[in-house]
Protein backbone atom coordinates (compact mmCIF):
# COMPACT_ATOMS: atom_id res chain seq x y z
CA MET A 1 78.65 76.67 92.85
CA LYS A 2 77.62 79.61 90.71
CA LEU A 3 74.09 80.04 92.35
CA ASN A 4 75.81 80.10 96.22
CA LEU A 5 78.00 82.60 94.98
CA GLN A 6 75.52 84.88 93.64
CA THR A 7 73.14 84.41 96.81
CA ILE A 8 76.33 85.15 98.85
CA ARG A 9 76.81 88.21 96.69
CA ASN A 10 72.72 89.45 97.10
CA LYS A 11 72.96 89.20 100.91
CA LEU A 12 76.44 91.17 101.11
CA ARG A 13 75.06 93.96 98.61
CA LYS A 14 71.97 94.37 100.85
CA LYS A 15 74.05 94.38 104.22
CA LEU A 16 76.92 96.80 103.10
CA PRO A 17 76.68 100.49 101.91
CA ARG A 18 77.31 100.90 98.25
CA TRP A 19 80.43 102.30 98.31
CA ILE A 20 82.05 99.23 99.26
CA ASN A 21 82.59 97.43 95.77
CA LEU A 22 85.18 95.26 94.25
CA GLN A 23 86.84 98.34 92.37
CA ASN A 24 87.32 100.28 95.60
CA LEU A 25 88.45 97.22 97.82
CA VAL A 26 91.06 96.41 94.84
CA PHE A 27 92.22 100.39 95.36
CA ALA A 28 92.52 100.30 99.13
CA SER A 29 94.15 97.17 98.67
CA VAL A 30 96.73 98.47 96.41
CA ILE A 31 97.57 101.73 98.64
CA ILE A 32 98.08 99.53 101.50
CA ALA A 33 100.53 97.31 99.61
CA PHE A 34 102.45 100.55 98.38
CA ILE A 35 102.46 101.90 101.96
CA ILE A 36 103.60 98.53 103.53
CA ILE A 37 106.46 97.70 100.36
CA ILE A 38 107.16 101.73 101.20
CA ILE A 39 107.82 101.24 105.18
CA TRP A 40 109.33 98.23 104.93
CA SER A 41 112.09 98.66 102.00
CA GLU A 42 113.20 102.02 103.77
CA ASP A 43 113.81 99.89 107.24
CA ILE A 44 115.50 97.30 105.58
CA SER A 45 117.55 99.57 103.44
CA HIS A 46 118.49 101.55 106.45
CA PHE A 47 119.49 98.67 108.16
CA PHE A 48 121.93 97.25 105.45
CA GLU A 49 123.20 100.78 104.68
CA ALA A 50 124.15 100.64 108.48
CA ILE A 51 126.18 97.48 108.03
CA ARG A 52 127.57 98.16 105.21
CA LEU A 53 129.16 101.48 106.16
CA SER A 54 130.06 100.40 109.46
CA ASP A 55 133.40 99.01 108.60
CA VAL A 56 134.05 102.10 105.90
CA GLN A 57 133.29 105.53 106.94
CA THR A 58 133.05 107.69 103.65
CA THR A 59 131.11 110.96 103.08
CA PRO A 60 129.69 111.42 99.86
CA THR A 61 130.39 114.64 98.08
CA LEU A 62 128.53 116.32 95.52
CA THR A 63 130.13 117.38 92.08
CA ILE A 64 128.81 119.99 89.95
CA LEU A 65 129.41 119.15 86.57
CA PRO A 66 129.65 122.07 83.88
CA GLY A 67 125.94 122.30 82.34
CA THR A 68 123.79 121.36 85.01
CA PRO A 69 121.83 123.95 86.34
CA THR A 70 121.16 122.49 90.18
CA PRO A 71 122.56 119.43 91.78
CA PRO A 72 120.25 116.63 92.85
CA PRO A 73 118.86 116.81 96.42
CA ALA A 74 121.03 115.09 99.27
CA GLU A 75 118.92 112.67 99.97
CA TRP A 76 118.85 111.09 96.38
CA MET A 77 122.41 110.80 96.94
CA ALA A 78 122.14 109.08 100.36
CA SER A 79 119.84 106.59 99.21
CA ALA A 80 120.12 105.30 95.65
CA GLU A 81 117.69 102.73 96.31
CA GLN A 82 114.63 104.40 96.04
CA THR A 83 114.73 103.74 92.23
CA ASN A 84 113.80 100.33 93.10
CA GLY A 85 110.34 101.36 94.71
CA ILE A 86 109.68 103.50 91.56
CA VAL A 87 110.17 101.30 89.34
CA PHE A 88 108.25 98.58 91.15
CA GLY A 89 105.60 100.90 91.63
CA ALA A 90 105.37 101.55 88.04
CA VAL A 91 105.07 98.02 86.86
CA ILE A 92 102.16 97.32 89.47
CA ILE A 93 100.26 100.23 87.89
CA VAL A 94 101.24 99.33 84.13
CA LEU A 95 99.99 95.32 85.22
CA LEU A 96 97.15 96.55 87.18
CA ILE A 97 96.14 98.88 84.08
CA ILE A 98 96.93 95.60 81.44
CA ALA A 99 94.68 93.69 83.53
CA GLY A 100 91.79 96.14 83.65
CA THR A 101 91.48 96.71 80.35
CA VAL A 102 91.88 92.49 79.63
CA GLY A 103 89.11 92.17 82.01
CA ILE A 104 87.04 95.00 80.36
CA ILE A 105 87.40 93.22 76.66
CA ILE A 106 86.70 89.99 78.00
CA ARG A 107 83.45 91.56 79.54
CA ASP A 108 82.62 93.11 76.14
CA ARG A 109 83.12 90.02 74.28
CA THR A 110 80.63 87.74 76.24
CA GLN A 111 77.79 90.52 76.39
C-alpha cells in the first residue's frame, strides 16, 4: 500500500507545479470553508431574524452609559450572532495550530 501511494505521489509531483503542495491545499480549503460558513450563516441568520421579527416590531435603541466614550456600531447591535462565527473561527484556528504542532513533533520523533 505504501509503495502504491509513493508512486502516485511521485507521478503527481512530476505533473503538478511546485506551488501545489499539501500545505497550500490545506490553506485554500480552510479559506474556502470560512467563506462558505460566513455566507451560509449570514443567510440563515437573516432568515430566522426575519421570522422572529415578523410578529413583533421592535426597534433597538442605543443607550450611552456613563464612562463609555463611543457606542458600538449599529450593525453590531442589529446582528448579535456574529460572535458565533468569530468563536467558531478561533476554535478552528487553534485546532489547526495544535494539529500542526503535534504533527511536527511526531515527525521529529520518527527521524
